[in-house]
Every structure is written in C-alpha cells, then in structure tokens.
C-alpha cells in the first residue's frame, strides 16, 4: 500500500515538473503575454532561484535536497 502511494506521488511530481517545463517553453516562444498561462512563469522561477541564492547555506542545502528529490 505504501509503495502504491509513493508511486502516485512520484508520478504527480513528474507531471508537475513536465508542466512547468512546458510553461517555460511556451513563454519563451509566445512571450510573457501568452493568454493561456496564469502568469509570468519565468519570472517566478527566477525569483525562487534568487531567493535560494540569497539564503546562503540554508538555500544551498534546500537546493541540494530539491536536486536529490527530482533526480531520482
């Protein structure tokens, strides 16, 4: 049962990462004014990366954990 739940979580995470990647590509092609995107995806990603960079050691640890989670 636990492996079933873990499988669902992995599949949802993969789908979410795929949707974010698709949104970035669409925004690069059509610009930030694409009417079917709910905002400026690239700016949000840039802000999150900047926040992690300015957080120092905590941001580095968080980035490492996120990398470990998404690389599996």
N, C-alpha and C. Protein backbone atom coordinates (compact mmCIF):
# COMPACT_ATOMS: atom_id res chain seq x y z
N UNK A 1 0.83 -1.19 0.00
CA UNK A 1 0.00 0.00 0.00
C UNK A 1 0.87 1.25 0.00
N UNK A 2 1.92 1.26 0.82
CA UNK A 2 2.80 2.42 0.87
C UNK A 2 3.53 2.62 -0.46
N UNK A 3 3.91 1.53 -1.10
CA UNK A 3 4.58 1.66 -2.41
C UNK A 3 3.62 2.22 -3.46
N UNK A 4 2.34 1.91 -3.32
CA UNK A 4 1.35 2.45 -4.24
C UNK A 4 1.22 3.96 -4.08
N UNK A 5 1.18 4.42 -2.84
CA UNK A 5 1.10 5.86 -2.57
C UNK A 5 2.36 6.56 -3.04
N UNK A 6 3.51 5.95 -2.79
CA UNK A 6 4.78 6.52 -3.24
C UNK A 6 4.82 6.62 -4.76
N UNK A 7 4.30 5.62 -5.44
CA UNK A 7 4.25 5.66 -6.90
C UNK A 7 3.39 6.79 -7.42
N UNK A 8 2.24 7.02 -6.78
CA UNK A 8 1.37 8.14 -7.17
C UNK A 8 2.07 9.48 -6.96
N UNK A 9 2.77 9.61 -5.84
CA UNK A 9 3.47 10.87 -5.55
C UNK A 9 4.55 11.12 -6.59
N UNK A 10 5.29 10.08 -6.96
CA UNK A 10 6.34 10.23 -7.98
C UNK A 10 5.74 10.63 -9.32
N UNK A 11 4.64 10.00 -9.69
CA UNK A 11 4.01 10.33 -10.96
C UNK A 11 3.46 11.76 -10.97
N UNK A 12 2.88 12.20 -9.87
CA UNK A 12 2.39 13.58 -9.78
C UNK A 12 3.53 14.59 -9.84
N UNK A 13 4.64 14.26 -9.19
CA UNK A 13 5.81 15.14 -9.22
C UNK A 13 6.36 15.24 -10.64
N UNK A 14 6.47 14.10 -11.33
CA UNK A 14 6.94 14.11 -12.71
C UNK A 14 6.01 14.92 -13.60
N UNK A 15 4.72 14.78 -13.41
CA UNK A 15 3.76 15.55 -14.20
C UNK A 15 3.89 17.04 -13.92
N UNK A 16 4.09 17.42 -12.65
CA UNK A 16 4.25 18.83 -12.30
C UNK A 16 5.50 19.43 -12.91
N UNK A 17 6.60 18.69 -12.86
CA UNK A 17 7.85 19.18 -13.46
C UNK A 17 7.68 19.32 -14.97
N UNK A 18 6.99 18.37 -15.59
CA UNK A 18 6.74 18.46 -17.02
C UNK A 18 5.88 19.67 -17.38
N UNK A 19 4.89 19.96 -16.57
CA UNK A 19 4.03 21.13 -16.83
C UNK A 19 4.81 22.43 -16.67
N UNK A 20 5.68 22.50 -15.68
CA UNK A 20 6.50 23.71 -15.51
C UNK A 20 7.43 23.88 -16.70
N UNK A 21 8.05 22.79 -17.15
CA UNK A 21 8.94 22.87 -18.30
C UNK A 21 8.18 23.31 -19.56
N UNK A 22 6.98 22.76 -19.74
CA UNK A 22 6.15 23.16 -20.87
C UNK A 22 5.77 24.63 -20.79
N UNK A 23 5.45 25.11 -19.60
CA UNK A 23 5.09 26.52 -19.43
C UNK A 23 6.27 27.43 -19.75
N UNK A 24 7.48 27.01 -19.38
CA UNK A 24 8.66 27.82 -19.69
C UNK A 24 8.87 27.88 -21.20
N UNK A 25 8.76 26.75 -21.87
CA UNK A 25 8.94 26.72 -23.33
C UNK A 25 7.87 27.58 -24.02
N UNK A 26 6.63 27.46 -23.59
CA UNK A 26 5.55 28.25 -24.19
C UNK A 26 5.80 29.73 -23.97
N UNK A 27 6.28 30.09 -22.78
CA UNK A 27 6.52 31.51 -22.50
C UNK A 27 7.70 32.03 -23.31
N UNK A 28 8.70 31.20 -23.55
CA UNK A 28 9.83 31.63 -24.38
C UNK A 28 9.36 31.85 -25.82
N UNK A 29 8.48 30.97 -26.31
CA UNK A 29 8.02 31.09 -27.69
C UNK A 29 7.04 32.25 -27.85
N UNK A 30 6.05 32.34 -26.98
CA UNK A 30 4.98 33.33 -27.14
C UNK A 30 5.15 34.59 -26.30
N UNK A 31 6.11 34.61 -25.41
CA UNK A 31 6.32 35.78 -24.56
C UNK A 31 5.50 35.70 -23.29
N UNK A 32 5.69 36.67 -22.43
CA UNK A 32 5.01 36.65 -21.14
C UNK A 32 3.53 36.99 -21.24
N UNK A 33 3.10 37.41 -22.41
CA UNK A 33 1.69 37.78 -22.57
C UNK A 33 0.85 36.63 -23.14
N UNK A 34 1.34 35.40 -23.04
CA UNK A 34 0.55 34.26 -23.53
C UNK A 34 -0.73 34.17 -22.70
N UNK A 35 -1.85 34.22 -23.38
CA UNK A 35 -3.13 34.34 -22.67
C UNK A 35 -3.52 33.06 -21.93
N UNK A 36 -2.93 31.92 -22.28
CA UNK A 36 -3.32 30.67 -21.64
C UNK A 36 -2.40 30.27 -20.49
N UNK A 37 -1.45 31.13 -20.15
CA UNK A 37 -0.61 30.88 -18.98
C UNK A 37 -1.08 31.78 -17.83
N UNK A 38 -1.07 31.24 -16.61
CA UNK A 38 -1.63 32.01 -15.49
C UNK A 38 -0.65 33.01 -14.87
N UNK A 39 0.30 33.50 -15.60
CA UNK A 39 1.23 34.48 -15.05
C UNK A 39 2.59 34.36 -15.70
N UNK A 40 3.55 35.01 -15.11
CA UNK A 40 4.91 35.03 -15.64
C UNK A 40 5.72 33.91 -14.98
N UNK A 41 5.77 32.75 -15.62
CA UNK A 41 6.40 31.56 -15.06
C UNK A 41 7.90 31.76 -14.92
N UNK A 42 8.54 32.33 -15.93
CA UNK A 42 9.99 32.51 -15.90
C UNK A 42 10.39 33.48 -14.78
N UNK A 43 9.61 34.53 -14.59
CA UNK A 43 9.91 35.49 -13.51
C UNK A 43 9.76 34.83 -12.14
N UNK A 44 8.75 33.98 -11.99
CA UNK A 44 8.57 33.28 -10.71
C UNK A 44 9.74 32.35 -10.44
N UNK A 45 10.17 31.60 -11.46
CA UNK A 45 11.32 30.71 -11.28
C UNK A 45 12.59 31.50 -10.96
N UNK A 46 12.77 32.62 -11.64
CA UNK A 46 13.93 33.46 -11.38
C UNK A 46 13.90 34.00 -9.95
N UNK A 47 12.75 34.40 -9.48
CA UNK A 47 12.61 34.88 -8.11
C UNK A 47 12.93 33.79 -7.09
N UNK A 48 12.44 32.56 -7.34
CA UNK A 48 12.71 31.47 -6.41
C UNK A 48 14.20 31.11 -6.39
N UNK A 49 14.83 31.11 -7.54
CA UNK A 49 16.27 30.81 -7.60
C UNK A 49 17.05 31.92 -6.92
N UNK A 50 16.64 33.16 -7.11
CA UNK A 50 17.30 34.27 -6.44
C UNK A 50 17.14 34.20 -4.93
N UNK A 51 15.97 33.80 -4.47
CA UNK A 51 15.74 33.68 -3.03
C UNK A 51 16.60 32.57 -2.44
N UNK A 52 16.73 31.46 -3.16
CA UNK A 52 17.61 30.39 -2.68
C UNK A 52 19.06 30.85 -2.64
N UNK A 53 19.46 31.63 -3.65
CA UNK A 53 20.84 32.11 -3.69
C UNK A 53 21.14 33.10 -2.58
N UNK A 54 20.19 33.91 -2.20
CA UNK A 54 20.43 34.90 -1.16
C UNK A 54 20.25 34.33 0.24
N UNK A 55 19.78 33.08 0.35
CA UNK A 55 19.56 32.48 1.66
C UNK A 55 20.83 31.87 2.24
N UNK A 56 21.92 31.87 1.48
CA UNK A 56 23.18 31.36 2.00
C UNK A 56 23.19 29.84 2.12
N UNK A 57 23.66 29.36 3.26
CA UNK A 57 23.82 27.93 3.48
C UNK A 57 22.48 27.20 3.46
N UNK A 58 21.45 27.81 4.03
CA UNK A 58 20.12 27.18 4.03
C UNK A 58 19.61 27.03 2.60
N UNK A 59 19.83 28.01 1.77
CA UNK A 59 19.44 27.93 0.37
C UNK A 59 20.22 26.86 -0.37
N UNK A 60 21.49 26.72 -0.07
CA UNK A 60 22.31 25.69 -0.70
C UNK A 60 21.84 24.29 -0.30
N UNK A 61 21.52 24.12 0.97
CA UNK A 61 21.01 22.82 1.44
C UNK A 61 19.65 22.52 0.80
N UNK A 62 18.79 23.53 0.72
CA UNK A 62 17.49 23.34 0.09
C UNK A 62 17.63 22.99 -1.38
N UNK A 63 18.52 23.67 -2.09
CA UNK A 63 18.74 23.36 -3.50
C UNK A 63 19.27 21.94 -3.66
N UNK A 64 20.15 21.51 -2.77
CA UNK A 64 20.67 20.15 -2.82
C UNK A 64 19.58 19.12 -2.58
N UNK A 65 18.71 19.40 -1.62
CA UNK A 65 17.60 18.48 -1.35
C UNK A 65 16.64 18.40 -2.53
N UNK A 66 16.32 19.55 -3.12
CA UNK A 66 15.44 19.54 -4.29
C UNK A 66 16.07 18.79 -5.45
N UNK A 67 17.36 18.95 -5.64
CA UNK A 67 18.05 18.24 -6.71
C UNK A 67 17.99 16.74 -6.47
N UNK A 68 18.20 16.33 -5.23
CA UNK A 68 18.15 14.91 -4.89
C UNK A 68 16.76 14.34 -5.12
N UNK A 69 15.74 15.08 -4.75
CA UNK A 69 14.37 14.61 -4.93
C UNK A 69 14.02 14.46 -6.40
N UNK A 70 14.37 15.46 -7.20
CA UNK A 70 13.96 15.45 -8.60
C UNK A 70 14.87 14.63 -9.49
N UNK A 71 16.05 14.26 -9.05
CA UNK A 71 16.95 13.47 -9.88
C UNK A 71 16.68 11.98 -9.79
N UNK A 72 15.85 11.56 -8.85
CA UNK A 72 15.54 10.12 -8.72
C UNK A 72 14.52 9.67 -9.70
